[in-house]
Amino acid sequence: MLFRLFLLLLLGVSLSAESKEKNVYVYNCSDNYSFVAEASDEAAWLFLPSKTLKTKRLQSDSDVKYGADDVMYWSKGEEAILEVGKKQYNCQNDDIAATFEKAKLNGVAFRAVGNEPGWVLEITSDKEVLFITNYGEVKTHFKVVERASQYKATEYKMQSNTNLLYVRIENRVCHDTMVDRSYESTVYINFDGVNMQGCGRALY
């Protein structure tokens, strides 16, 4: 159960059934085309290679459909069809990439993940940090009290009302075996005396 909850966090799925956050997708399509979509019930922002476009929700018998100008976007959950002018693309969502893109759209500058126990670190600015651990059961907001830049590394000391968090971000490639994906940074964490290690990357 704990592992499932962490997977939901990793994939950017809300743990609250009442959450009405916008859905974010990173689509890899036919003909090596890719784009990002941020969709709600009323509209969808499409971040296309050539332009950014706000599309409106259209009436459809089955699929969730959006459109504007010469662009049509059919959302089928993890799959989608995009039509730009006379060109049509069949697309598949990249769950992990979508998680990082959603964080970016929410203003997160750096995001890291780790396993055993599962944790997520999000740095919104030098003063706003969210650390989620124990497979999503513990969420702690921190303030940065110290920050030091070294050769190919940055270290943080962070503090909440009751917890201490030390973070070291190294500019060294890290491979997450859980999802078979590589990231630009290796991240070391000490959370109240417990050492953890994971992978992350800058979003800006």
N, C-alpha and C. Protein backbone atom coordinates (compact mmCIF):
# COMPACT_ATOMS: atom_id res chain seq x y z
N MET A 1 0.83 -1.20 0.00
CA MET A 1 0.00 0.00 0.00
C MET A 1 0.87 1.26 0.00
N LEU A 2 1.91 1.28 0.88
CA LEU A 2 2.80 2.44 0.92
C LEU A 2 3.50 2.64 -0.40
N PHE A 3 3.93 1.53 -1.03
CA PHE A 3 4.62 1.63 -2.32
C PHE A 3 3.68 2.20 -3.37
N ARG A 4 2.41 1.81 -3.34
CA ARG A 4 1.43 2.33 -4.30
C ARG A 4 1.23 3.83 -4.11
N LEU A 5 1.16 4.28 -2.85
CA LEU A 5 1.00 5.70 -2.58
C LEU A 5 2.17 6.50 -3.11
N PHE A 6 3.38 5.93 -2.96
CA PHE A 6 4.56 6.64 -3.47
C PHE A 6 4.54 6.71 -4.98
N LEU A 7 4.08 5.63 -5.64
CA LEU A 7 3.99 5.67 -7.09
C LEU A 7 3.03 6.76 -7.54
N LEU A 8 1.93 6.96 -6.81
CA LEU A 8 0.99 8.03 -7.14
C LEU A 8 1.67 9.38 -7.02
N LEU A 9 2.49 9.55 -5.98
CA LEU A 9 3.24 10.80 -5.82
C LEU A 9 4.22 10.98 -6.96
N LEU A 10 4.94 9.89 -7.28
CA LEU A 10 5.96 9.97 -8.32
C LEU A 10 5.35 10.31 -9.66
N LEU A 11 4.17 9.82 -9.92
CA LEU A 11 3.52 10.05 -11.20
C LEU A 11 2.64 11.30 -11.20
N GLY A 12 2.66 12.04 -10.09
CA GLY A 12 1.96 13.32 -10.05
C GLY A 12 0.46 13.20 -9.91
N VAL A 13 -0.04 12.07 -9.40
CA VAL A 13 -1.47 11.87 -9.22
C VAL A 13 -1.85 12.35 -7.83
N SER A 14 -2.91 13.16 -7.72
CA SER A 14 -3.32 13.67 -6.42
C SER A 14 -3.78 12.55 -5.52
N LEU A 15 -3.41 12.62 -4.21
CA LEU A 15 -3.86 11.64 -3.25
C LEU A 15 -5.25 11.97 -2.71
N SER A 16 -5.79 13.11 -3.10
CA SER A 16 -7.12 13.50 -2.65
C SER A 16 -8.12 13.31 -3.76
N ALA A 17 -9.18 12.58 -3.48
CA ALA A 17 -10.19 12.31 -4.51
C ALA A 17 -10.91 13.58 -4.92
N GLU A 18 -10.86 14.61 -4.06
CA GLU A 18 -11.56 15.84 -4.35
C GLU A 18 -10.68 16.86 -5.04
N SER A 19 -9.44 16.50 -5.32
CA SER A 19 -8.52 17.44 -5.96
C SER A 19 -9.01 17.79 -7.36
N LYS A 20 -8.96 19.09 -7.68
CA LYS A 20 -9.39 19.53 -9.01
C LYS A 20 -8.23 20.20 -9.73
N GLU A 21 -7.04 19.73 -9.46
CA GLU A 21 -5.88 20.29 -10.13
C GLU A 21 -5.93 19.96 -11.61
N LYS A 22 -5.27 20.79 -12.38
CA LYS A 22 -5.19 20.55 -13.81
C LYS A 22 -4.30 19.34 -14.08
N ASN A 23 -4.64 18.60 -15.13
CA ASN A 23 -3.84 17.47 -15.55
C ASN A 23 -2.77 17.94 -16.52
N VAL A 24 -1.56 17.45 -16.33
CA VAL A 24 -0.44 17.81 -17.20
C VAL A 24 0.08 16.55 -17.88
N TYR A 25 0.30 16.65 -19.19
CA TYR A 25 0.77 15.52 -19.98
C TYR A 25 1.98 15.94 -20.80
N VAL A 26 2.91 15.02 -20.95
CA VAL A 26 4.04 15.21 -21.87
C VAL A 26 3.93 14.12 -22.92
N TYR A 27 3.55 14.50 -24.12
CA TYR A 27 3.25 13.52 -25.17
C TYR A 27 4.43 13.32 -26.12
N ASN A 28 4.73 12.08 -26.37
CA ASN A 28 5.64 11.69 -27.45
C ASN A 28 4.79 11.13 -28.58
N CYS A 29 4.93 11.69 -29.76
CA CYS A 29 4.00 11.38 -30.85
C CYS A 29 4.72 10.78 -32.05
N SER A 30 3.91 10.40 -33.01
CA SER A 30 4.45 9.90 -34.27
C SER A 30 5.27 11.00 -34.95
N ASP A 31 6.18 10.57 -35.85
CA ASP A 31 7.05 11.49 -36.58
C ASP A 31 7.96 12.32 -35.66
N ASN A 32 8.30 11.74 -34.49
CA ASN A 32 9.19 12.39 -33.53
C ASN A 32 8.68 13.76 -33.07
N TYR A 33 7.39 13.91 -33.03
CA TYR A 33 6.76 15.14 -32.56
C TYR A 33 6.46 15.01 -31.06
N SER A 34 6.63 16.07 -30.31
CA SER A 34 6.33 16.03 -28.88
C SER A 34 5.75 17.38 -28.45
N PHE A 35 4.91 17.34 -27.41
CA PHE A 35 4.34 18.58 -26.89
C PHE A 35 3.82 18.34 -25.47
N VAL A 36 3.53 19.44 -24.78
CA VAL A 36 3.01 19.40 -23.42
C VAL A 36 1.59 19.96 -23.41
N ALA A 37 0.71 19.32 -22.65
CA ALA A 37 -0.66 19.80 -22.51
C ALA A 37 -1.00 19.96 -21.03
N GLU A 38 -1.64 21.07 -20.70
CA GLU A 38 -2.16 21.31 -19.35
C GLU A 38 -3.67 21.48 -19.49
N ALA A 39 -4.43 20.47 -19.05
CA ALA A 39 -5.86 20.42 -19.36
C ALA A 39 -6.72 20.51 -18.11
N SER A 40 -7.84 21.21 -18.25
CA SER A 40 -8.87 21.27 -17.22
C SER A 40 -10.20 20.92 -17.89
N ASP A 41 -11.29 21.04 -17.15
CA ASP A 41 -12.60 20.72 -17.71
C ASP A 41 -13.02 21.71 -18.79
N GLU A 42 -12.54 22.94 -18.69
CA GLU A 42 -12.99 23.99 -19.61
C GLU A 42 -12.04 24.25 -20.77
N ALA A 43 -10.73 24.08 -20.53
CA ALA A 43 -9.76 24.46 -21.56
C ALA A 43 -8.48 23.66 -21.40
N ALA A 44 -7.62 23.75 -22.42
CA ALA A 44 -6.32 23.10 -22.37
C ALA A 44 -5.29 24.02 -23.01
N TRP A 45 -4.19 24.23 -22.28
CA TRP A 45 -3.05 24.94 -22.85
C TRP A 45 -2.16 23.92 -23.54
N LEU A 46 -1.82 24.19 -24.79
CA LEU A 46 -0.94 23.30 -25.55
C LEU A 46 0.38 24.02 -25.80
N PHE A 47 1.46 23.42 -25.32
CA PHE A 47 2.80 23.97 -25.52
C PHE A 47 3.43 23.20 -26.68
N LEU A 48 3.21 23.71 -27.90
CA LEU A 48 3.66 23.06 -29.12
C LEU A 48 5.06 23.53 -29.48
N PRO A 49 5.78 22.79 -30.32
CA PRO A 49 7.13 23.22 -30.72
C PRO A 49 7.15 24.61 -31.36
N SER A 50 6.08 24.96 -32.07
CA SER A 50 6.07 26.23 -32.81
C SER A 50 5.32 27.35 -32.10
N LYS A 51 4.46 27.01 -31.11
CA LYS A 51 3.67 28.05 -30.46
C LYS A 51 3.00 27.50 -29.21
N THR A 52 2.51 28.42 -28.38
CA THR A 52 1.71 28.07 -27.21
C THR A 52 0.29 28.54 -27.46
N LEU A 53 -0.67 27.65 -27.24
CA LEU A 53 -2.04 27.93 -27.65
C LEU A 53 -3.03 27.50 -26.57
N LYS A 54 -4.01 28.36 -26.27
CA LYS A 54 -5.10 27.98 -25.37
C LYS A 54 -6.26 27.48 -26.20
N THR A 55 -6.71 26.25 -25.94
CA THR A 55 -7.82 25.65 -26.67
C THR A 55 -9.02 25.50 -25.75
N LYS A 56 -10.21 25.54 -26.34
CA LYS A 56 -11.44 25.42 -25.56
C LYS A 56 -12.01 24.00 -25.67
N ARG A 57 -12.70 23.57 -24.61
CA ARG A 57 -13.36 22.28 -24.59
C ARG A 57 -14.52 22.29 -25.58
N LEU A 58 -14.58 21.27 -26.42
CA LEU A 58 -15.63 21.17 -27.44
C LEU A 58 -16.53 19.98 -27.14
N GLN A 59 -17.72 20.02 -27.70
CA GLN A 59 -18.65 18.91 -27.53
C GLN A 59 -18.13 17.68 -28.26
N SER A 60 -18.19 16.52 -27.58
CA SER A 60 -17.74 15.28 -28.19
C SER A 60 -18.54 14.12 -27.60
N ASP A 61 -18.86 13.15 -28.44
CA ASP A 61 -19.67 12.02 -27.98
C ASP A 61 -18.90 11.09 -27.05
N SER A 62 -17.58 11.01 -27.22
CA SER A 62 -16.82 10.04 -26.42
C SER A 62 -15.56 10.67 -25.82
N ASP A 63 -14.62 11.09 -26.67
CA ASP A 63 -13.34 11.59 -26.18
C ASP A 63 -13.46 13.02 -25.63
N VAL A 64 -12.48 13.40 -24.82
CA VAL A 64 -12.36 14.78 -24.37
C VAL A 64 -11.65 15.54 -25.49
N LYS A 65 -12.30 16.57 -26.01
CA LYS A 65 -11.84 17.23 -27.23
C LYS A 65 -11.68 18.73 -27.01
N TYR A 66 -10.57 19.28 -27.48
CA TYR A 66 -10.30 20.70 -27.38
C TYR A 66 -9.89 21.23 -28.76
N GLY A 67 -10.13 22.54 -28.99
CA GLY A 67 -9.76 23.07 -30.28
C GLY A 67 -9.62 24.59 -30.28
N ALA A 68 -8.78 25.08 -31.19
CA ALA A 68 -8.62 26.52 -31.44
C ALA A 68 -7.83 26.68 -32.72
N ASP A 69 -8.21 27.66 -33.51
CA ASP A 69 -7.55 27.92 -34.80
C ASP A 69 -7.52 26.63 -35.62
N ASP A 70 -6.35 26.22 -36.08
CA ASP A 70 -6.25 25.01 -36.89
C ASP A 70 -5.75 23.81 -36.09
N VAL A 71 -5.90 23.88 -34.76
CA VAL A 71 -5.40 22.82 -33.89
C VAL A 71 -6.55 22.12 -33.18
N MET A 72 -6.54 20.78 -33.22
CA MET A 72 -7.52 19.96 -32.50
C MET A 72 -6.75 18.96 -31.63
N TYR A 73 -7.23 18.80 -30.41
CA TYR A 73 -6.57 17.91 -29.45
C TYR A 73 -7.62 17.02 -28.80
N TRP A 74 -7.47 15.70 -29.05
CA TRP A 74 -8.35 14.70 -28.44
C TRP A 74 -7.58 14.01 -27.32
N SER A 75 -8.08 14.12 -26.09
CA SER A 75 -7.43 13.48 -24.95
C SER A 75 -8.13 12.17 -24.62
N LYS A 76 -7.34 11.09 -24.55
CA LYS A 76 -7.86 9.77 -24.19
C LYS A 76 -7.09 9.23 -23.00
N GLY A 77 -6.84 10.10 -22.03
CA GLY A 77 -6.06 9.67 -20.88
C GLY A 77 -4.58 9.64 -21.23
N GLU A 78 -4.00 8.45 -21.22
CA GLU A 78 -2.58 8.31 -21.52
C GLU A 78 -2.29 8.41 -23.02
N GLU A 79 -3.31 8.35 -23.83
CA GLU A 79 -3.15 8.48 -25.27
C GLU A 79 -3.87 9.74 -25.76
N ALA A 80 -3.42 10.25 -26.89
CA ALA A 80 -4.05 11.44 -27.44
C ALA A 80 -3.84 11.49 -28.95
N ILE A 81 -4.68 12.29 -29.60
CA ILE A 81 -4.51 12.60 -31.02
C ILE A 81 -4.41 14.11 -31.15
N LEU A 82 -3.41 14.56 -31.86
CA LEU A 82 -3.23 15.99 -32.10
C LEU A 82 -3.28 16.24 -33.59
N GLU A 83 -4.08 17.23 -33.98
CA GLU A 83 -4.19 17.62 -35.37
C GLU A 83 -3.77 19.07 -35.53
N VAL A 84 -2.73 19.30 -36.29
CA VAL A 84 -2.24 20.65 -36.55
C VAL A 84 -2.33 20.88 -38.05
N GLY A 85 -3.27 21.74 -38.45
CA GLY A 85 -3.53 21.91 -39.87
C GLY A 85 -4.02 20.60 -40.46
N LYS A 86 -3.35 20.12 -41.48
CA LYS A 86 -3.74 18.86 -42.12
C LYS A 86 -2.93 17.67 -41.61
N LYS A 87 -2.08 17.91 -40.62
CA LYS A 87 -1.21 16.87 -40.09
C LYS A 87 -1.78 16.31 -38.79
N GLN A 88 -1.81 14.97 -38.69
CA GLN A 88 -2.34 14.32 -37.50
C GLN A 88 -1.25 13.48 -36.84
N TYR A 89 -1.20 13.53 -35.50
CA TYR A 89 -0.19 12.80 -34.74
C TYR A 89 -0.88 11.89 -33.71
N ASN A 90 -0.40 10.68 -33.59
CA ASN A 90 -0.83 9.77 -32.53
C ASN A 90 0.19 9.86 -31.40
N CYS A 91 -0.29 10.07 -30.18
CA CYS A 91 0.62 10.42 -29.08
C CYS A 91 0.41 9.54 -27.85
N GLN A 92 1.48 9.39 -27.06
CA GLN A 92 1.47 8.62 -25.83
C GLN A 92 2.09 9.47 -24.72
N ASN A 93 1.43 9.50 -23.56
CA ASN A 93 1.92 10.30 -22.45
C ASN A 93 3.12 9.64 -21.78
N ASP A 94 4.10 10.45 -21.39
CA ASP A 94 5.25 10.00 -20.61
C ASP A 94 4.98 10.39 -19.16
N ASP A 95 4.57 9.41 -18.33
CA ASP A 95 4.14 9.70 -16.96
C ASP A 95 5.20 10.42 -16.13
N ILE A 96 6.42 9.92 -16.17
CA ILE A 96 7.46 10.49 -15.34
C ILE A 96 7.80 11.91 -15.79
N ALA A 97 7.95 12.11 -17.09
CA ALA A 97 8.24 13.46 -17.60
C ALA A 97 7.10 14.41 -17.25
N ALA A 98 5.86 13.91 -17.27
CA ALA A 98 4.71 14.75 -16.95
C ALA A 98 4.74 15.20 -15.50
N THR A 99 5.23 14.34 -14.60
CA THR A 99 5.34 14.70 -13.19
C THR A 99 6.27 15.89 -13.02
N PHE A 100 7.43 15.85 -13.68
CA PHE A 100 8.38 16.94 -13.59
C PHE A 100 7.85 18.21 -14.27
N GLU A 101 7.16 18.04 -15.38
CA GLU A 101 6.61 19.20 -16.08
C GLU A 101 5.52 19.87 -15.25
N LYS A 102 4.71 19.08 -14.57
CA LYS A 102 3.67 19.65 -13.71
C LYS A 102 4.30 20.45 -12.58
N ALA A 103 5.36 19.91 -12.00
CA ALA A 103 6.07 20.64 -10.95
C ALA A 103 6.61 21.96 -11.49
N LYS A 104 7.17 21.92 -12.69
CA LYS A 104 7.70 23.13 -13.32
C LYS A 104 6.61 24.17 -13.51
N LEU A 105 5.46 23.76 -14.01
CA LEU A 105 4.36 24.70 -14.23
C LEU A 105 3.83 25.26 -12.92
N ASN A 106 4.07 24.54 -11.81
CA ASN A 106 3.65 25.01 -10.49
C ASN A 106 4.73 25.85 -9.82
N GLY A 107 5.82 26.14 -10.55
CA GLY A 107 6.84 27.02 -10.02
C GLY A 107 8.01 26.35 -9.34
N VAL A 108 8.11 25.02 -9.41
CA VAL A 108 9.23 24.30 -8.80
C VAL A 108 10.47 24.46 -9.68
N ALA A 109 11.60 24.80 -9.06
CA ALA A 109 12.84 25.03 -9.81
C ALA A 109 13.72 23.79 -9.87
N PHE A 110 13.63 22.93 -8.85
CA PHE A 110 14.43 21.70 -8.82
C PHE A 110 13.59 20.61 -8.16
N ARG A 111 13.63 19.40 -8.77
CA ARG A 111 12.86 18.28 -8.23
C ARG A 111 13.73 17.03 -8.21
N ALA A 112 13.64 16.28 -7.11
CA ALA A 112 14.40 15.05 -6.97
C ALA A 112 13.53 13.97 -6.36
N VAL A 113 13.85 12.71 -6.68
CA VAL A 113 13.10 11.57 -6.14
C VAL A 113 14.09 10.50 -5.69
N GLY A 114 13.66 9.69 -4.71
CA GLY A 114 14.49 8.61 -4.23
C GLY A 114 13.63 7.45 -3.75
N ASN A 115 14.25 6.31 -3.52
CA ASN A 115 13.55 5.09 -3.16
C ASN A 115 14.06 4.51 -1.84
N GLU A 116 13.22 3.69 -1.25
CA GLU A 116 13.58 2.89 -0.07
C GLU A 116 14.19 3.71 1.06
N PRO A 117 13.46 4.53 1.79
CA PRO A 117 12.02 4.76 1.60
C PRO A 117 11.78 5.80 0.50
N GLY A 118 10.63 5.74 -0.13
CA GLY A 118 10.33 6.68 -1.21
C GLY A 118 10.25 8.11 -0.70
N TRP A 119 10.87 9.02 -1.44
CA TRP A 119 10.81 10.43 -1.06
C TRP A 119 10.81 11.32 -2.30
N VAL A 120 10.33 12.55 -2.12
CA VAL A 120 10.31 13.57 -3.17
C VAL A 120 10.78 14.88 -2.55
N LEU A 121 11.66 15.57 -3.25
CA LEU A 121 12.14 16.88 -2.82
C LEU A 121 11.81 17.90 -3.90
N GLU A 122 11.16 19.01 -3.53
CA GLU A 122 10.85 20.07 -4.47
C GLU A 122 11.33 21.40 -3.90
N ILE A 123 12.19 22.08 -4.64
CA ILE A 123 12.71 23.38 -4.24
C ILE A 123 12.08 24.43 -5.15
N THR A 124 11.18 25.22 -4.59
CA THR A 124 10.51 26.26 -5.37
C THR A 124 11.37 27.51 -5.48
N SER A 125 12.05 27.83 -4.41
CA SER A 125 13.00 28.94 -4.41
C SER A 125 14.00 28.65 -3.31
N ASP A 126 14.93 29.57 -3.08
CA ASP A 126 15.90 29.35 -2.01
C ASP A 126 15.27 29.35 -0.62
N LYS A 127 14.00 29.72 -0.55
CA LYS A 127 13.36 29.77 0.77
C LYS A 127 12.13 28.87 0.88
N GLU A 128 11.74 28.20 -0.20
CA GLU A 128 10.54 27.36 -0.17
C GLU A 128 10.90 25.94 -0.60
N VAL A 129 10.79 24.99 0.32
CA VAL A 129 11.16 23.61 0.03
C VAL A 129 10.10 22.67 0.60
N LEU A 130 9.68 21.69 -0.22
CA LEU A 130 8.76 20.65 0.23
C LEU A 130 9.48 19.31 0.18
N PHE A 131 9.45 18.58 1.29
CA PHE A 131 10.06 17.25 1.35
C PHE A 131 8.99 16.25 1.74
N ILE A 132 8.78 15.26 0.88
CA ILE A 132 7.77 14.22 1.11
C ILE A 132 8.50 12.90 1.27
N THR A 133 8.25 12.19 2.38
CA THR A 133 8.94 10.94 2.60
C THR A 133 7.99 9.89 3.17
N ASN A 134 8.57 8.73 3.48
CA ASN A 134 7.80 7.59 3.99
C ASN A 134 6.66 7.25 3.03
N TYR A 135 6.98 7.22 1.73
CA TYR A 135 6.03 6.87 0.68
C TYR A 135 4.80 7.77 0.69
N GLY A 136 5.03 9.06 0.93
CA GLY A 136 3.94 10.02 0.85
C GLY A 136 3.22 10.30 2.16
N GLU A 137 3.58 9.60 3.24
CA GLU A 137 2.86 9.77 4.49
C GLU A 137 3.31 11.00 5.27
N VAL A 138 4.55 11.45 5.05
CA VAL A 138 5.07 12.59 5.79
C VAL A 138 5.42 13.71 4.81
N LYS A 139 4.81 14.88 4.99
CA LYS A 139 5.09 16.05 4.15
C LYS A 139 5.55 17.19 5.06
N THR A 140 6.72 17.73 4.78
CA THR A 140 7.29 18.77 5.62
C THR A 140 7.74 19.94 4.77
N HIS A 141 7.34 21.15 5.17
CA HIS A 141 7.79 22.37 4.50
C HIS A 141 8.98 22.94 5.26
N PHE A 142 10.01 23.28 4.51
CA PHE A 142 11.24 23.78 5.10
C PHE A 142 11.57 25.18 4.60
N LYS A 143 12.35 25.89 5.41
CA LYS A 143 12.97 27.14 5.00
C LYS A 143 14.47 26.92 4.94
N VAL A 144 15.11 27.47 3.91
CA VAL A 144 16.56 27.35 3.78
C VAL A 144 17.23 28.32 4.75
N VAL A 145 18.13 27.80 5.59
CA VAL A 145 18.84 28.66 6.53
C VAL A 145 20.30 28.84 6.12
N GLU A 146 20.82 27.89 5.31
CA GLU A 146 22.18 28.03 4.79
C GLU A 146 22.25 27.45 3.38
N ARG A 147 23.03 28.08 2.53
CA ARG A 147 23.24 27.59 1.17
C ARG A 147 24.68 27.87 0.78
N ALA A 148 25.37 26.84 0.27
CA ALA A 148 26.77 26.99 -0.11
C ALA A 148 27.02 26.33 -1.45
N SER A 149 27.65 27.05 -2.37
CA SER A 149 27.98 26.51 -3.68
C SER A 149 29.44 26.06 -3.69
N GLN A 150 29.68 24.87 -4.20
CA GLN A 150 31.01 24.31 -4.33
C GLN A 150 31.24 23.94 -5.79
N TYR A 151 32.39 23.38 -6.08
CA TYR A 151 32.69 22.95 -7.45
C TYR A 151 31.76 21.80 -7.82
N LYS A 152 30.88 22.04 -8.76
CA LYS A 152 29.92 21.06 -9.27
C LYS A 152 28.99 20.50 -8.18
N ALA A 153 28.71 21.30 -7.16
CA ALA A 153 27.81 20.85 -6.10
C ALA A 153 27.23 22.05 -5.35
N THR A 154 26.03 21.86 -4.80
CA THR A 154 25.39 22.87 -3.97
C THR A 154 24.85 22.18 -2.72
N GLU A 155 25.09 22.79 -1.56
CA GLU A 155 24.64 22.22 -0.30
C GLU A 155 23.64 23.15 0.38
N TYR A 156 22.61 22.55 0.99
CA TYR A 156 21.59 23.31 1.70
C TYR A 156 21.45 22.77 3.12
N LYS A 157 21.19 23.70 4.04
CA LYS A 157 20.71 23.33 5.37
C LYS A 157 19.33 23.93 5.49
N MET A 158 18.33 23.09 5.82
CA MET A 158 16.95 23.54 5.86
C MET A 158 16.35 23.18 7.22
N GLN A 159 15.38 23.99 7.62
CA GLN A 159 14.80 23.78 8.95
C GLN A 159 13.31 24.06 8.92
N SER A 160 12.56 23.18 9.60
CA SER A 160 11.15 23.41 9.86
C SER A 160 11.00 23.67 11.35
N ASN A 161 9.78 23.62 11.85
CA ASN A 161 9.59 23.85 13.28
C ASN A 161 10.23 22.76 14.13
N THR A 162 10.26 21.53 13.59
CA THR A 162 10.73 20.40 14.40
C THR A 162 11.77 19.54 13.70
N ASN A 163 12.10 19.82 12.43
CA ASN A 163 12.98 18.93 11.67
C ASN A 163 14.15 19.68 11.04
N LEU A 164 15.24 18.93 10.79
CA LEU A 164 16.38 19.43 10.06
C LEU A 164 16.57 18.61 8.79
N LEU A 165 16.91 19.29 7.71
CA LEU A 165 17.13 18.62 6.43
C LEU A 165 18.40 19.17 5.79
N TYR A 166 19.34 18.27 5.48
CA TYR A 166 20.56 18.65 4.78
C TYR A 166 20.50 18.04 3.37
N VAL A 167 20.78 18.85 2.37
CA VAL A 167 20.72 18.40 0.98
C VAL A 167 22.02 18.76 0.27
N ARG A 168 22.57 17.80 -0.44
CA ARG A 168 23.73 18.04 -1.30
C ARG A 168 23.37 17.61 -2.71
N ILE A 169 23.44 18.56 -3.66
CA ILE A 169 23.12 18.30 -5.06
C ILE A 169 24.41 18.33 -5.86
N GLU A 170 24.79 17.20 -6.43
CA GLU A 170 26.01 17.11 -7.20
C GLU A 170 25.71 17.05 -8.69
N ASN A 171 26.51 17.77 -9.46
CA ASN A 171 26.36 17.77 -10.91
C ASN A 171 26.99 16.49 -11.48
N ARG A 172 26.31 15.38 -11.19
CA ARG A 172 26.81 14.06 -11.60
C ARG A 172 25.61 13.20 -12.00
N VAL A 173 25.69 12.57 -13.16
CA VAL A 173 24.56 11.80 -13.69
C VAL A 173 24.14 10.72 -12.70
N CYS A 174 22.83 10.59 -12.54
CA CYS A 174 22.24 9.62 -11.61
C CYS A 174 21.21 8.78 -12.37
N HIS A 175 21.23 7.47 -12.14
CA HIS A 175 20.28 6.57 -12.80
C HIS A 175 19.30 6.02 -11.77
N ASP A 176 18.02 6.28 -12.00
CA ASP A 176 16.95 5.78 -11.14
C ASP A 176 16.53 4.41 -11.64
N THR A 177 16.94 3.35 -10.94
CA THR A 177 16.66 1.98 -11.39
C THR A 177 15.18 1.64 -11.27
N MET A 178 14.45 2.37 -10.42
CA MET A 178 13.03 2.09 -10.24
C MET A 178 12.23 2.34 -11.51
N VAL A 179 12.61 3.39 -12.24
CA VAL A 179 11.88 3.74 -13.47
C VAL A 179 12.79 3.68 -14.69
N ASP A 180 14.04 3.23 -14.50
CA ASP A 180 15.02 3.09 -15.59
C ASP A 180 15.17 4.40 -16.35
N ARG A 181 15.56 5.45 -15.59
CA ARG A 181 15.69 6.77 -16.20
C ARG A 181 16.88 7.50 -15.58
N SER A 182 17.59 8.25 -16.41
CA SER A 182 18.76 8.99 -15.93
C SER A 182 18.43 10.46 -15.74
N TYR A 183 19.09 11.07 -14.74
CA TYR A 183 18.92 12.47 -14.42
C TYR A 183 20.28 13.15 -14.34
N GLU A 184 20.28 14.47 -14.42
CA GLU A 184 21.54 15.21 -14.48
C GLU A 184 22.24 15.34 -13.14
N SER A 185 21.50 15.14 -12.03
CA SER A 185 22.07 15.38 -10.70
C SER A 185 21.89 14.19 -9.77
N THR A 186 22.90 13.97 -8.93
CA THR A 186 22.82 13.01 -7.83
C THR A 186 22.56 13.79 -6.55
N VAL A 187 21.59 13.34 -5.76
CA VAL A 187 21.14 14.09 -4.59
C VAL A 187 21.32 13.26 -3.32
N TYR A 188 21.98 13.85 -2.35
CA TYR A 188 22.18 13.21 -1.04
C TYR A 188 21.39 13.99 0.00
N ILE A 189 20.66 13.26 0.85
CA ILE A 189 19.79 13.89 1.85
C ILE A 189 20.06 13.28 3.22
N ASN A 190 20.06 14.15 4.23
CA ASN A 190 20.06 13.71 5.62
C ASN A 190 18.85 14.34 6.28
N PHE A 191 17.88 13.51 6.62
CA PHE A 191 16.63 13.97 7.21
C PHE A 191 16.57 13.50 8.66
N ASP A 192 16.81 14.42 9.57
CA ASP A 192 16.83 14.10 11.00
C ASP A 192 17.75 12.92 11.31
N GLY A 193 18.93 12.91 10.69
CA GLY A 193 19.92 11.88 10.96
C GLY A 193 19.84 10.66 10.08
N VAL A 194 18.83 10.58 9.21
CA VAL A 194 18.67 9.43 8.32
C VAL A 194 19.18 9.81 6.92
N ASN A 195 20.14 9.05 6.39
CA ASN A 195 20.71 9.33 5.08
C ASN A 195 19.90 8.70 3.96
N MET A 196 19.72 9.44 2.89
CA MET A 196 19.00 8.97 1.72
C MET A 196 19.73 9.45 0.46
N GLN A 197 19.49 8.79 -0.64
CA GLN A 197 20.12 9.17 -1.91
C GLN A 197 19.11 9.02 -3.05
N GLY A 198 19.19 9.93 -4.01
CA GLY A 198 18.27 9.86 -5.14
C GLY A 198 18.78 10.66 -6.32
N CYS A 199 17.87 10.92 -7.26
CA CYS A 199 18.21 11.59 -8.52
C CYS A 199 17.30 12.80 -8.73
N GLY A 200 17.80 13.79 -9.44
CA GLY A 200 16.97 14.96 -9.69
C GLY A 200 17.50 15.80 -10.85
N ARG A 201 16.77 16.85 -11.14
CA ARG A 201 17.20 17.77 -12.19
C ARG A 201 16.55 19.14 -12.01
N ALA A 202 17.25 20.14 -12.54
CA ALA A 202 16.71 21.50 -12.53
C ALA A 202 15.59 21.61 -13.56
N LEU A 203 14.54 22.34 -13.22
CA LEU A 203 13.41 22.50 -14.13
C LEU A 203 13.47 23.84 -14.85
N TYR A 204 14.33 24.74 -14.41
CA TYR A 204 14.51 26.03 -15.07
C TYR A 204 15.98 26.24 -15.35
